Amino acid sequence: MRKTITAICTVLILLASGKVAQACSCTVHPVCDPHRYLDADFIGEVISSENVKYQLFDDWPGVLFQVRVLENFRGNQKVGEIVKVFTGQGGGDCGYRFKIGSKYLIDAAEKDGGFETGHCTRTAPIEESQVELRLLRTIAAGKKVPDLTGILSQNIGLTPETSENKPFSNIRVSLQPVAGGQAFESTTDIFGSFTFPILPSGRYRIHLELPSDFSPAWSNYSGFLRDDRLPLLIIKKSNEEFAACHIEILTETSGSISGIIQVPGYKSNHWTVEANSVDTHNEPEDTVGEAYPDAKGFFRLSHLPAGRYAVQIVKRGTFIESAPQIVDLKDGEKKTGLILKIQ
């Protein structure tokens, strides 16, 4: 059965042109699934492009790329063959922005004698696809894939303006069975990848031996993490063959600022706490972090890099805010006990 690219597109009105724009949002890929790829997977070199009418949306412009197949893993395309790859123009239509002359791992669905791919697939430059290529070559060779493969990365550009991820190598990863027994261990390689070839079915707690100034911030099976806590991982094998789980974990600096807010007639859904970078006069500039206080007014601003911050509470949808408190934060430092007030 032909697979399709799964994406959700939110409609926005562009008043100047009278047309609509689409905001791309991808559905979550299953964490554990031996068939998580589309119809075809191959390494291709992009050699040319032309604008075409794209059928994903009515009258939406798309791009047709001519791609030379360099290595094939799944599908009927042959090495050396030039195939057609359709996609959108990028942005709201979830199209993938290929560069002429570059090489990519292309994960695509069959379409009109060619292929269709986009932002919501596993298509990516080959230099960013080494772990996926390893798995695809295993599948192409008819071998069993590991029960769990993971990628651990670190955000090394966490500032108000930039974000840059790179593999987190040489980190020990352990899985502790909830039911008890000996933990399973692995260590991340130069790609940030860790592998557990064989795992019994069950529930596991994931433990990462990270440097003290980093902590988990996001994972592909739970989204953004509350209090840096990774949820339980469930390994469930089909007919006790293999689980084929694939998880991604992003870490960020572990600095944090926590405390309580004191507001007359406080209602938690009305207020936000902001951590802002400051100028040379300690005046607030860009918002680096936000937190939503709980019912008792407790807040925690997580994953803040070292620096000086103006911390204040803001009433949503208004210009009401508290006087900022200046807080200096070191790498990985956890400041507690801050009290923010509005009289």
C-alpha atoms as a PDB file:
ATOM      1  CA  MET A   1       0.000   0.000   0.000  1.00  0.00           C
ATOM      2  CA  ARG A   2       1.295   3.424  -0.944  1.00  0.00           C
ATOM      3  CA  LYS A   3       2.213   5.535   2.038  1.00  0.00           C
ATOM      4  CA  THR A   4       1.549   9.262   2.207  1.00  0.00           C
ATOM      5  CA  ILE A   5       3.302  12.148   3.855  1.00  0.00           C
ATOM      6  CA  THR A   6       1.531  13.131   7.064  1.00  0.00           C
ATOM      7  CA  ALA A   7       1.386  16.816   7.862  1.00  0.00           C
ATOM      8  CA  ILE A   8      -1.038  19.220   9.457  1.00  0.00           C
ATOM      9  CA  CYS A   9      -1.302  22.650   7.853  1.00  0.00           C
ATOM     10  CA  THR A  10      -2.814  25.499   9.820  1.00  0.00           C
ATOM     11  CA  VAL A  11      -4.506  28.131   7.685  1.00  0.00           C
ATOM     12  CA  LEU A  12      -3.529  31.778   8.169  1.00  0.00           C
ATOM     13  CA  ILE A  13      -5.144  34.707   6.350  1.00  0.00           C
ATOM     14  CA  LEU A  14      -2.834  37.067   4.457  1.00  0.00           C
ATOM     15  CA  LEU A  15      -4.877  40.256   4.357  1.00  0.00           C
ATOM     16  CA  ALA A  16      -2.586  42.059   1.908  1.00  0.00           C
ATOM     17  CA  SER A  17      -3.023  39.507  -0.864  1.00  0.00           C
ATOM     18  CA  GLY A  18      -6.365  38.010   0.033  1.00  0.00           C
ATOM     19  CA  LYS A  19      -4.829  34.510  -0.182  1.00  0.00           C
ATOM     20  CA  VAL A  20      -4.136  31.971   2.503  1.00  0.00           C
ATOM     21  CA  ALA A  21      -0.777  30.732   3.714  1.00  0.00           C
ATOM     22  CA  GLN A  22      -0.151  27.337   5.246  1.00  0.00           C
ATOM     23  CA  ALA A  23       1.826  26.798   8.453  1.00  0.00           C
ATOM     24  CA  CYS A  24       3.570  23.432   8.448  1.00  0.00           C
ATOM     25  CA  SER A  25       3.189  21.203  11.489  1.00  0.00           C
ATOM     26  CA  CYS A  26       4.146  17.522  11.371  1.00  0.00           C
ATOM     27  CA  THR A  27       2.380  14.747  13.201  1.00  0.00           C
ATOM     28  CA  VAL A  28       4.527  12.738  15.598  1.00  0.00           C
ATOM     29  CA  HIS A  29       6.280   9.690  14.151  1.00  0.00           C
ATOM     30  CA  PRO A  30       5.816   6.520  16.221  1.00  0.00           C
ATOM     31  CA  VAL A  31       8.780   5.829  18.488  1.00  0.00           C
ATOM     32  CA  CYS A  32       8.653   2.046  18.076  1.00  0.00           C
ATOM     33  CA  ASP A  33       7.827   0.778  14.598  1.00  0.00           C
ATOM     34  CA  PRO A  34       9.833  -1.477  12.249  1.00  0.00           C
ATOM     35  CA  HIS A  35       8.021   0.125   9.272  1.00  0.00           C
ATOM     36  CA  ARG A  36       8.478   3.824   9.998  1.00  0.00           C
ATOM     37  CA  TYR A  37       9.776   4.728   6.528  1.00  0.00           C
ATOM     38  CA  LEU A  38       7.848   5.662   3.353  1.00  0.00           C
ATOM     39  CA  ASP A  39       7.788   3.733   0.050  1.00  0.00           C
ATOM     40  CA  ALA A  40      11.372   4.473  -1.006  1.00  0.00           C
ATOM     41  CA  ASP A  41      14.637   5.389   0.708  1.00  0.00           C
ATOM     42  CA  PHE A  42      17.811   6.231  -1.172  1.00  0.00           C
ATOM     43  CA  ILE A  43      20.805   8.553  -1.261  1.00  0.00           C
ATOM     44  CA  GLY A  44      20.401  11.027  -4.092  1.00  0.00           C
ATOM     45  CA  GLU A  45      22.315  13.907  -5.623  1.00  0.00           C
ATOM     46  CA  VAL A  46      20.082  16.825  -6.677  1.00  0.00           C
ATOM     47  CA  ILE A  47      20.959  17.878 -10.235  1.00  0.00           C
ATOM     48  CA  SER A  48      18.166  20.266 -11.351  1.00  0.00           C
ATOM     49  CA  SER A  49      14.802  21.790 -10.424  1.00  0.00           C
ATOM     50  CA  GLU A  50      11.758  23.403 -12.004  1.00  0.00           C
ATOM     51  CA  ASN A  51       8.636  25.025 -10.601  1.00  0.00           C
ATOM     52  CA  VAL A  52       5.423  23.030 -11.085  1.00  0.00           C
ATOM     53  CA  LYS A  53       1.853  22.921  -9.843  1.00  0.00           C
ATOM     54  CA  TYR A  54       1.884  20.971  -6.596  1.00  0.00           C
ATOM     55  CA  GLN A  55      -1.124  18.766  -5.871  1.00  0.00           C
ATOM     56  CA  LEU A  56      -0.906  18.807  -2.061  1.00  0.00           C
ATOM     57  CA  PHE A  57      -3.001  21.998  -2.035  1.00  0.00           C
ATOM     58  CA  ASP A  58      -5.152  23.391  -4.865  1.00  0.00           C
ATOM     59  CA  ASP A  59      -3.188  25.789  -7.085  1.00  0.00           C
ATOM     60  CA  TRP A  60      -0.215  25.649  -4.710  1.00  0.00           C
ATOM     61  CA  PRO A  61       3.185  26.026  -6.437  1.00  0.00           C
ATOM     62  CA  GLY A  62       5.656  23.219  -5.963  1.00  0.00           C
ATOM     63  CA  VAL A  63       9.074  22.107  -7.190  1.00  0.00           C
ATOM     64  CA  LEU A  64      10.092  19.107  -9.275  1.00  0.00           C
ATOM     65  CA  PHE A  65      13.682  18.005  -8.693  1.00  0.00           C
ATOM     66  CA  GLN A  66      15.725  15.671 -10.870  1.00  0.00           C
ATOM     67  CA  VAL A  67      17.763  13.438  -8.561  1.00  0.00           C
ATOM     68  CA  ARG A  68      20.471  10.896  -9.399  1.00  0.00           C
ATOM     69  CA  VAL A  69      20.266   7.762  -7.225  1.00  0.00           C
ATOM     70  CA  LEU A  70      23.629   7.007  -5.595  1.00  0.00           C
ATOM     71  CA  GLU A  71      22.661   4.235  -3.179  1.00  0.00           C
ATOM     72  CA  ASN A  72      19.319   2.495  -2.770  1.00  0.00           C
ATOM     73  CA  PHE A  73      17.873   0.909   0.381  1.00  0.00           C
ATOM     74  CA  ARG A  74      14.145   0.494  -0.231  1.00  0.00           C
ATOM     75  CA  GLY A  75      12.060   0.790  -3.422  1.00  0.00           C
ATOM     76  CA  ASN A  76      12.572  -0.089  -7.099  1.00  0.00           C
ATOM     77  CA  GLN A  77      14.793   2.829  -8.138  1.00  0.00           C
ATOM     78  CA  LYS A  78      18.226   1.802  -9.410  1.00  0.00           C
ATOM     79  CA  VAL A  79      21.690   3.203  -8.699  1.00  0.00           C
ATOM     80  CA  GLY A  80      22.614   5.679 -11.446  1.00  0.00           C
ATOM     81  CA  GLU A  81      18.967   6.262 -12.424  1.00  0.00           C
ATOM     82  CA  ILE A  82      17.640   9.845 -12.487  1.00  0.00           C
ATOM     83  CA  VAL A  83      14.261  10.068 -10.748  1.00  0.00           C
ATOM     84  CA  LYS A  84      11.671  12.800 -10.225  1.00  0.00           C
ATOM     85  CA  VAL A  85      11.129  14.065  -6.681  1.00  0.00           C
ATOM     86  CA  PHE A  86       8.174  16.382  -6.004  1.00  0.00           C
ATOM     87  CA  THR A  87       7.952  18.685  -2.992  1.00  0.00           C
ATOM     88  CA  GLY A  88       6.510  22.019  -1.941  1.00  0.00           C
ATOM     89  CA  GLN A  89       8.413  25.286  -2.008  1.00  0.00           C
ATOM     90  CA  GLY A  90       9.180  25.126   1.710  1.00  0.00           C
ATOM     91  CA  GLY A  91       7.732  26.785   4.770  1.00  0.00           C
ATOM     92  CA  GLY A  92       3.967  26.485   5.204  1.00  0.00           C
ATOM     93  CA  ASP A  93       3.465  23.756   2.587  1.00  0.00           C
ATOM     94  CA  CYS A  94       5.962  21.442   4.347  1.00  0.00           C
ATOM     95  CA  GLY A  95       8.133  21.309   1.231  1.00  0.00           C
ATOM     96  CA  TYR A  96      11.773  20.306   1.555  1.00  0.00           C
ATOM     97  CA  ARG A  97      14.337  22.875   0.411  1.00  0.00           C
ATOM     98  CA  PHE A  98      16.896  20.899  -1.573  1.00  0.00           C
ATOM     99  CA  LYS A  99      20.112  22.514  -2.820  1.00  0.00           C
ATOM    100  CA  ILE A 100      21.352  21.745  -6.334  1.00  0.00           C
ATOM    101  CA  GLY A 101      24.530  19.663  -6.211  1.00  0.00           C
ATOM    102  CA  SER A 102      24.003  18.445  -2.641  1.00  0.00           C
ATOM    103  CA  LYS A 103      23.438  14.869  -1.511  1.00  0.00           C
ATOM    104  CA  TYR A 104      20.561  13.730   0.685  1.00  0.00           C
ATOM    105  CA  LEU A 105      18.992  10.717   2.267  1.00  0.00           C
ATOM    106  CA  ILE A 106      15.558  10.862   0.617  1.00  0.00           C
ATOM    107  CA  ASP A 107      12.594   9.198   2.319  1.00  0.00           C
ATOM    108  CA  ALA A 108       9.701   9.434  -0.152  1.00  0.00           C
ATOM    109  CA  ALA A 109       6.246   8.240  -1.132  1.00  0.00           C
ATOM    110  CA  GLU A 110       5.452   7.113  -4.677  1.00  0.00           C
ATOM    111  CA  LYS A 111       3.786   9.796  -6.818  1.00  0.00           C
ATOM    112  CA  ASP A 112       2.956  10.053 -10.565  1.00  0.00           C
ATOM    113  CA  GLY A 113       5.889   7.938 -11.750  1.00  0.00           C
ATOM    114  CA  GLY A 114       8.230   9.653  -9.321  1.00  0.00           C
ATOM    115  CA  PHE A 115       8.400  10.402  -5.631  1.00  0.00           C
ATOM    116  CA  GLU A 116       7.070  12.922  -3.136  1.00  0.00           C
ATOM    117  CA  THR A 117       8.855  14.067  -0.010  1.00  0.00           C
ATOM    118  CA  GLY A 118       8.767  16.948   2.426  1.00  0.00           C
ATOM    119  CA  HIS A 119       9.692  18.393   5.766  1.00  0.00           C
ATOM    120  CA  CYS A 120       7.636  15.795   7.675  1.00  0.00           C
ATOM    121  CA  THR A 121       9.670  12.829   6.396  1.00  0.00           C
ATOM    122  CA  ARG A 122      13.137  11.546   7.292  1.00  0.00           C
ATOM    123  CA  THR A 123      14.667  13.286   4.280  1.00  0.00           C
ATOM    124  CA  ALA A 124      17.850  15.109   5.354  1.00  0.00           C
ATOM    125  CA  PRO A 125      21.398  15.918   4.187  1.00  0.00           C
ATOM    126  CA  ILE A 126      23.545  12.791   4.323  1.00  0.00           C
ATOM    127  CA  GLU A 127      25.918  14.377   6.850  1.00  0.00           C
ATOM    128  CA  GLU A 128      22.960  14.609   9.258  1.00  0.00           C
ATOM    129  CA  SER A 129      21.674  11.108   8.470  1.00  0.00           C
ATOM    130  CA  GLN A 130      24.439   8.750   9.537  1.00  0.00           C
ATOM    131  CA  VAL A 131      22.353   6.960  12.165  1.00  0.00           C
ATOM    132  CA  GLU A 132      19.395   6.514   9.768  1.00  0.00           C
ATOM    133  CA  LEU A 133      21.770   5.289   7.050  1.00  0.00           C
ATOM    134  CA  ARG A 134      23.172   2.710   9.426  1.00  0.00           C
ATOM    135  CA  LEU A 135      19.644   1.398  10.112  1.00  0.00           C
ATOM    136  CA  LEU A 136      18.618   1.437   6.454  1.00  0.00           C
ATOM    137  CA  ARG A 137      21.718  -0.493   5.418  1.00  0.00           C
ATOM    138  CA  THR A 138      20.894  -3.056   8.102  1.00  0.00           C
ATOM    139  CA  ILE A 139      17.360  -3.414   6.736  1.00  0.00           C
ATOM    140  CA  ALA A 140      18.633  -3.616   3.130  1.00  0.00           C
ATOM    141  CA  ALA A 141      20.977  -6.437   4.158  1.00  0.00           C
ATOM    142  CA  GLY A 142      18.024  -8.392   5.581  1.00  0.00           C
ATOM    143  CA  LYS A 143      19.282  -8.159   9.145  1.00  0.00           C
ATOM    144  CA  LYS A 144      17.320  -7.378  12.302  1.00  0.00           C
ATOM    145  CA  VAL A 145      17.497  -3.811  13.506  1.00  0.00           C
ATOM    146  CA  PRO A 146      18.286  -3.111  17.193  1.00  0.00           C
ATOM    147  CA  ASP A 147      15.442  -3.047  19.687  1.00  0.00           C
ATOM    148  CA  LEU A 148      16.420   0.525  20.553  1.00  0.00           C
ATOM    149  CA  THR A 149      18.476   3.110  18.705  1.00  0.00           C
ATOM    150  CA  GLY A 150      18.762   6.634  20.063  1.00  0.00           C
ATOM    151  CA  ILE A 151      20.350   9.969  19.246  1.00  0.00           C
ATOM    152  CA  LEU A 152      21.528  12.299  21.998  1.00  0.00           C
ATOM    153  CA  SER A 153      22.320  15.891  21.072  1.00  0.00           C
ATOM    154  CA  GLN A 154      23.166  19.115  22.858  1.00  0.00           C
ATOM    155  CA  ASN A 155      22.080  22.644  22.122  1.00  0.00           C
ATOM    156  CA  ILE A 156      25.361  24.573  22.135  1.00  0.00           C
ATOM    157  CA  GLY A 157      23.974  27.839  20.756  1.00  0.00           C
ATOM    158  CA  LEU A 158      21.311  28.557  23.353  1.00  0.00           C
ATOM    159  CA  THR A 159      21.030  32.352  23.285  1.00  0.00           C
ATOM    160  CA  PRO A 160      18.110  34.698  22.622  1.00  0.00           C
ATOM    161  CA  GLU A 161      19.063  34.702  18.924  1.00  0.00           C
ATOM    162  CA  THR A 162      20.539  31.321  18.050  1.00  0.00           C
ATOM    163  CA  SER A 163      20.127  27.601  18.514  1.00  0.00           C
ATOM    164  CA  GLU A 164      22.637  25.032  17.277  1.00  0.00           C
ATOM    165  CA  ASN A 165      22.562  21.311  17.980  1.00  0.00           C
ATOM    166  CA  LYS A 166      25.465  18.887  17.780  1.00  0.00           C
ATOM    167  CA  PRO A 167      25.906  15.212  18.719  1.00  0.00           C
ATOM    168  CA  PHE A 168      26.608  14.517  22.390  1.00  0.00           C
ATOM    169  CA  SER A 169      29.311  11.842  22.299  1.00  0.00           C
ATOM    170  CA  ASN A 170      30.842   9.659  25.005  1.00  0.00           C
ATOM    171  CA  ILE A 171      27.782   9.825  27.299  1.00  0.00           C
ATOM    172  CA  ARG A 172      26.799   6.698  29.163  1.00  0.00           C
ATOM    173  CA  VAL A 173      23.143   5.715  28.746  1.00  0.00           C
ATOM    174  CA  SER A 174      21.518   3.130  30.983  1.00  0.00           C
ATOM    175  CA  LEU A 175      18.079   1.513  30.941  1.00  0.00           C
ATOM    176  CA  GLN A 176      16.752   0.309  34.283  1.00  0.00           C
ATOM    177  CA  PRO A 177      13.838  -2.158  34.073  1.00  0.00           C
ATOM    178  CA  VAL A 178      10.936  -0.942  36.210  1.00  0.00           C
ATOM    179  CA  ALA A 179      10.212  -4.530  37.183  1.00  0.00           C
ATOM    180  CA  GLY A 180      13.730  -4.791  38.634  1.00  0.00           C
ATOM    181  CA  GLY A 181      16.878  -6.546  37.590  1.00  0.00           C
ATOM    182  CA  GLN A 182      20.173  -5.514  36.056  1.00  0.00           C
ATOM    183  CA  ALA A 183      20.357  -2.313  34.020  1.00  0.00           C
ATOM    184  CA  PHE A 184      21.370  -2.324  30.345  1.00  0.00           C
ATOM    185  CA  GLU A 185      24.145   0.105  29.358  1.00  0.00           C
ATOM    186  CA  SER A 186      25.450   1.798  26.223  1.00  0.00           C
ATOM    187  CA  THR A 187      27.645   4.805  25.342  1.00  0.00           C
ATOM    188  CA  THR A 188      27.014   7.424  22.662  1.00  0.00           C
ATOM    189  CA  ASP A 189      29.353   7.450  19.653  1.00  0.00           C
ATOM    190  CA  ILE A 190      30.622  10.374  17.552  1.00  0.00           C
ATOM    191  CA  PHE A 191      27.130  10.784  16.060  1.00  0.00           C
ATOM    192  CA  GLY A 192      25.516  10.924  19.494  1.00  0.00           C
ATOM    193  CA  SER A 193      24.002   7.524  18.789  1.00  0.00           C
ATOM    194  CA  PHE A 194      23.443   4.773  21.355  1.00  0.00           C
ATOM    195  CA  THR A 195      22.214   1.275  20.638  1.00  0.00           C
ATOM    196  CA  PHE A 196      20.626  -1.562  22.572  1.00  0.00           C
ATOM    197  CA  PRO A 197      20.526  -4.573  20.210  1.00  0.00           C
ATOM    198  CA  ILE A 198      18.358  -6.820  22.414  1.00  0.00           C
ATOM    199  CA  LEU A 199      15.960  -5.739  25.174  1.00  0.00           C
ATOM    200  CA  PRO A 200      13.254  -7.806  26.874  1.00  0.00           C
ATOM    201  CA  SER A 201       9.747  -6.399  26.524  1.00  0.00           C
ATOM    202  CA  GLY A 202       8.875  -4.144  29.438  1.00  0.00           C
ATOM    203  CA  ARG A 203       9.072  -0.614  30.855  1.00  0.00           C
ATOM    204  CA  TYR A 204      12.381   1.150  31.390  1.00  0.00           C
ATOM    205  CA  ARG A 205      13.713   4.270  33.080  1.00  0.00           C
ATOM    206  CA  ILE A 206      16.347   6.075  31.010  1.00  0.00           C
ATOM    207  CA  HIS A 207      19.340   7.511  32.833  1.00  0.00           C
ATOM    208  CA  LEU A 208      21.918   9.780  31.157  1.00  0.00           C
ATOM    209  CA  GLU A 209      25.286  10.471  32.803  1.00  0.00           C
ATOM    210  CA  LEU A 210      25.445  14.090  31.624  1.00  0.00           C
ATOM    211  CA  PRO A 211      27.830  16.839  32.729  1.00  0.00           C
ATOM    212  CA  SER A 212      26.346  18.859  35.582  1.00  0.00           C
ATOM    213  CA  ASP A 213      25.657  21.875  33.350  1.00  0.00           C
ATOM    214  CA  PHE A 214      23.380  19.925  30.949  1.00  0.00           C
ATOM    215  CA  SER A 215      20.035  18.201  31.392  1.00  0.00           C
ATOM    216  CA  PRO A 216      17.344  16.675  29.122  1.00  0.00           C
ATOM    217  CA  ALA A 217      15.010  19.274  27.594  1.00  0.00           C
ATOM    218  CA  TRP A 218      13.036  17.480  24.841  1.00  0.00           C
ATOM    219  CA  SER A 219      12.430  14.049  23.386  1.00  0.00           C
ATOM    220  CA  ASN A 220      10.573  12.855  20.309  1.00  0.00           C
ATOM    221  CA  TYR A 221       8.344  10.561  22.385  1.00  0.00           C
ATOM    222  CA  SER A 222       7.252  13.104  24.994  1.00  0.00           C
ATOM    223  CA  GLY A 223       7.912  16.613  23.640  1.00  0.00           C
ATOM    224  CA  PHE A 224       9.256  19.261  26.000  1.00  0.00           C
ATOM    225  CA  LEU A 225      10.167  17.789  29.356  1.00  0.00           C
ATOM    226  CA  ARG A 226       8.756  18.979  32.649  1.00  0.00           C
ATOM    227  CA  ASP A 227      11.431  19.224  35.343  1.00  0.00           C
ATOM    228  CA  ASP A 228      13.947  17.511  33.003  1.00  0.00           C
ATOM    229  CA  ARG A 229      12.283  14.150  33.570  1.00  0.00           C
ATOM    230  CA  LEU A 230      12.381  11.572  30.802  1.00  0.00           C
ATOM    231  CA  PRO A 231       9.220   9.435  30.782  1.00  0.00           C
ATOM    232  CA  LEU A 232       9.226   5.675  30.933  1.00  0.00           C
ATOM    233  CA  LEU A 233      10.156   3.912  27.709  1.00  0.00           C
ATOM    234  CA  ILE A 234       7.980   0.948  26.766  1.00  0.00           C
ATOM    235  CA  ILE A 235       9.539  -1.869  24.736  1.00  0.00           C
ATOM    236  CA  LYS A 236       6.925  -4.134  23.203  1.00  0.00           C
ATOM    237  CA  LYS A 237       8.008  -6.705  20.645  1.00  0.00           C
ATOM    238  CA  SER A 238       5.761  -8.135  17.957  1.00  0.00           C
ATOM    239  CA  ASN A 239       5.937 -11.910  18.195  1.00  0.00           C
ATOM    240  CA  GLU A 240       9.106 -11.388  20.256  1.00  0.00           C
ATOM    241  CA  GLU A 241      11.084 -10.441  17.133  1.00  0.00           C
ATOM    242  CA  PHE A 242      12.306  -6.847  17.503  1.00  0.00           C
ATOM    243  CA  ALA A 243      10.854  -3.559  18.726  1.00  0.00           C
ATOM    244  CA  ALA A 244      12.739  -1.231  16.323  1.00  0.00           C
ATOM    245  CA  CYS A 245      12.415   1.759  18.655  1.00  0.00           C
ATOM    246  CA  HIS A 246      14.114   5.020  17.713  1.00  0.00           C
ATOM    247  CA  ILE A 247      14.296   7.893  20.176  1.00  0.00           C
ATOM    248  CA  GLU A 248      15.837  11.350  20.059  1.00  0.00           C
ATOM    249  CA  ILE A 249      16.797  13.348  23.140  1.00  0.00           C
ATOM    250  CA  LEU A 250      17.896  16.978  23.130  1.00  0.00           C
ATOM    251  CA  THR A 251      19.812  18.396  26.081  1.00  0.00           C
ATOM    252  CA  GLU A 252      20.332  22.018  27.014  1.00  0.00           C
ATOM    253  CA  THR A 253      22.210  23.900  29.673  1.00  0.00           C
ATOM    254  CA  SER A 254      20.759  23.116  33.099  1.00  0.00           C
ATOM    255  CA  GLY A 255      20.774  26.581  34.679  1.00  0.00           C
ATOM    256  CA  SER A 256      17.453  27.519  36.256  1.00  0.00           C
ATOM    257  CA  ILE A 257      15.720  30.180  38.344  1.00  0.00           C
ATOM    258  CA  SER A 258      12.775  29.265  40.565  1.00  0.00           C
ATOM    259  CA  GLY A 259      10.601  30.905  43.185  1.00  0.00           C
ATOM    260  CA  ILE A 260       7.072  32.116  43.814  1.00  0.00           C
ATOM    261  CA  ILE A 261       4.944  35.041  42.706  1.00  0.00           C
ATOM    262  CA  GLN A 262       2.732  37.042  45.072  1.00  0.00           C
ATOM    263  CA  VAL A 263      -0.206  38.771  43.402  1.00  0.00           C
ATOM    264  CA  PRO A 264      -3.473  39.935  45.065  1.00  0.00           C
ATOM    265  CA  GLY A 265      -6.359  37.798  43.776  1.00  0.00           C
ATOM    266  CA  TYR A 266      -3.884  35.532  42.022  1.00  0.00           C
ATOM    267  CA  LYS A 267      -5.157  33.199  39.298  1.00  0.00           C
ATOM    268  CA  SER A 268      -2.511  31.018  37.712  1.00  0.00           C
ATOM    269  CA  ASN A 269      -3.870  31.186  34.154  1.00  0.00           C
ATOM    270  CA  HIS A 270      -3.460  34.991  34.046  1.00  0.00           C
ATOM    271  CA  TRP A 271       0.277  35.327  34.670  1.00  0.00           C
ATOM    272  CA  THR A 272       3.647  34.484  33.092  1.00  0.00           C
ATOM    273  CA  VAL A 273       7.186  34.755  34.476  1.00  0.00           C
ATOM    274  CA  GLU A 274       9.824  35.958  32.012  1.00  0.00           C
ATOM    275  CA  ALA A 275      13.612  35.827  32.094  1.00  0.00           C
ATOM    276  CA  ASN A 276      14.994  38.580  29.833  1.00  0.00           C
ATOM    277  CA  SER A 277      18.535  39.363  28.799  1.00  0.00           C
ATOM    278  CA  VAL A 278      19.624  42.867  29.831  1.00  0.00           C
ATOM    279  CA  ASP A 279      21.524  45.764  28.294  1.00  0.00           C
ATOM    280  CA  THR A 280      24.463  47.583  29.901  1.00  0.00           C
ATOM    281  CA  HIS A 281      22.011  49.490  32.126  1.00  0.00           C
ATOM    282  CA  ASN A 282      20.305  46.279  33.313  1.00  0.00           C
ATOM    283  CA  GLU A 283      17.197  47.101  31.302  1.00  0.00           C
ATOM    284  CA  PRO A 284      15.253  44.077  29.944  1.00  0.00           C
ATOM    285  CA  GLU A 285      15.861  43.211  26.284  1.00  0.00           C
ATOM    286  CA  ASP A 286      15.021  39.833  24.719  1.00  0.00           C
ATOM    287  CA  THR A 287      12.981  37.110  26.423  1.00  0.00           C
ATOM    288  CA  VAL A 288      15.199  34.045  26.920  1.00  0.00           C
ATOM    289  CA  GLY A 289      12.799  31.903  28.960  1.00  0.00           C
ATOM    290  CA  GLU A 290       9.191  31.787  30.102  1.00  0.00           C
ATOM    291  CA  ALA A 291       7.410  29.866  32.845  1.00  0.00           C
ATOM    292  CA  TYR A 292       3.788  29.459  33.882  1.00  0.00           C
ATOM    293  CA  PRO A 293       3.313  29.506  37.666  1.00  0.00           C
ATOM    294  CA  ASP A 294       1.237  26.721  39.213  1.00  0.00           C
ATOM    295  CA  ALA A 295      -1.861  27.132  41.366  1.00  0.00           C
ATOM    296  CA  LYS A 296       0.280  28.106  44.376  1.00  0.00           C
ATOM    297  CA  GLY A 297       2.394  30.618  42.432  1.00  0.00           C
ATOM    298  CA  PHE A 298       5.512  28.451  42.130  1.00  0.00           C
ATOM    299  CA  PHE A 299       7.541  28.886  38.920  1.00  0.00           C
ATOM    300  CA  ARG A 300      10.709  27.443  37.410  1.00  0.00           C
ATOM    301  CA  LEU A 301      12.596  28.955  34.475  1.00  0.00           C
ATOM    302  CA  SER A 302      14.576  26.050  33.007  1.00  0.00           C
ATOM    303  CA  HIS A 303      17.519  25.624  30.615  1.00  0.00           C
ATOM    304  CA  LEU A 304      18.981  29.078  30.988  1.00  0.00           C
ATOM    305  CA  PRO A 305      22.570  29.694  29.853  1.00  0.00           C
ATOM    306  CA  ALA A 306      24.954  31.603  32.090  1.00  0.00           C
ATOM    307  CA  GLY A 307      24.305  35.331  32.099  1.00  0.00           C
ATOM    308  CA  ARG A 308      22.504  38.224  33.735  1.00  0.00           C
ATOM    309  CA  TYR A 309      18.711  38.248  33.648  1.00  0.00           C
ATOM    310  CA  ALA A 310      15.871  40.577  34.474  1.00  0.00           C
ATOM    311  CA  VAL A 311      13.133  38.352  35.917  1.00  0.00           C
ATOM    312  CA  GLN A 312       9.572  39.666  36.197  1.00  0.00           C
ATOM    313  CA  ILE A 313       5.946  38.620  36.155  1.00  0.00           C
ATOM    314  CA  VAL A 314       3.655  39.763  33.364  1.00  0.00           C
ATOM    315  CA  LYS A 315      -0.135  39.636  33.174  1.00  0.00           C
ATOM    316  CA  ARG A 316      -1.078  38.041  29.886  1.00  0.00           C
ATOM    317  CA  GLY A 317      -2.749  40.259  27.323  1.00  0.00           C
ATOM    318  CA  THR A 318      -2.013  43.452  29.245  1.00  0.00           C
ATOM    319  CA  PHE A 319       0.867  45.813  30.007  1.00  0.00           C
ATOM    320  CA  ILE A 320       0.788  44.987  33.729  1.00  0.00           C
ATOM    321  CA  GLU A 321       4.135  43.721  34.982  1.00  0.00           C
ATOM    322  CA  SER A 322       6.264  43.685  38.095  1.00  0.00           C
ATOM    323  CA  ALA A 323       9.512  45.556  38.559  1.00  0.00           C
ATOM    324  CA  PRO A 324      12.295  43.278  37.219  1.00  0.00           C
ATOM    325  CA  GLN A 325      14.690  41.578  39.607  1.00  0.00           C
ATOM    326  CA  ILE A 326      18.275  41.226  38.346  1.00  0.00           C
ATOM    327  CA  VAL A 327      19.709  37.711  38.691  1.00  0.00           C
ATOM    328  CA  ASP A 328      23.237  36.581  37.786  1.00  0.00           C
ATOM    329  CA  LEU A 329      23.444  32.926  36.774  1.00  0.00           C
ATOM    330  CA  LYS A 330      26.534  30.746  36.371  1.00  0.00           C
ATOM    331  CA  ASP A 331      26.851  27.683  34.113  1.00  0.00           C
ATOM    332  CA  GLY A 332      24.469  25.005  35.380  1.00  0.00           C
ATOM    333  CA  GLU A 333      23.566  27.018  38.486  1.00  0.00           C
ATOM    334  CA  LYS A 334      20.110  26.549  40.029  1.00  0.00           C
ATOM    335  CA  LYS A 335      18.874  29.704  41.769  1.00  0.00           C
ATOM    336  CA  THR A 336      15.957  29.174  44.125  1.00  0.00           C
ATOM    337  CA  GLY A 337      13.772  31.205  46.454  1.00  0.00           C
ATOM    338  CA  LEU A 338      13.099  34.215  44.213  1.00  0.00           C
ATOM    339  CA  ILE A 339       9.986  36.177  45.261  1.00  0.00           C
ATOM    340  CA  LEU A 340       8.244  38.338  42.670  1.00  0.00           C
ATOM    341  CA  LYS A 341       5.494  40.715  43.786  1.00  0.00           C
ATOM    342  CA  ILE A 342       2.865  42.978  42.350  1.00  0.00           C
ATOM    343  CA  GLN A 343       1.330  45.280  44.963  1.00  0.00           C
END
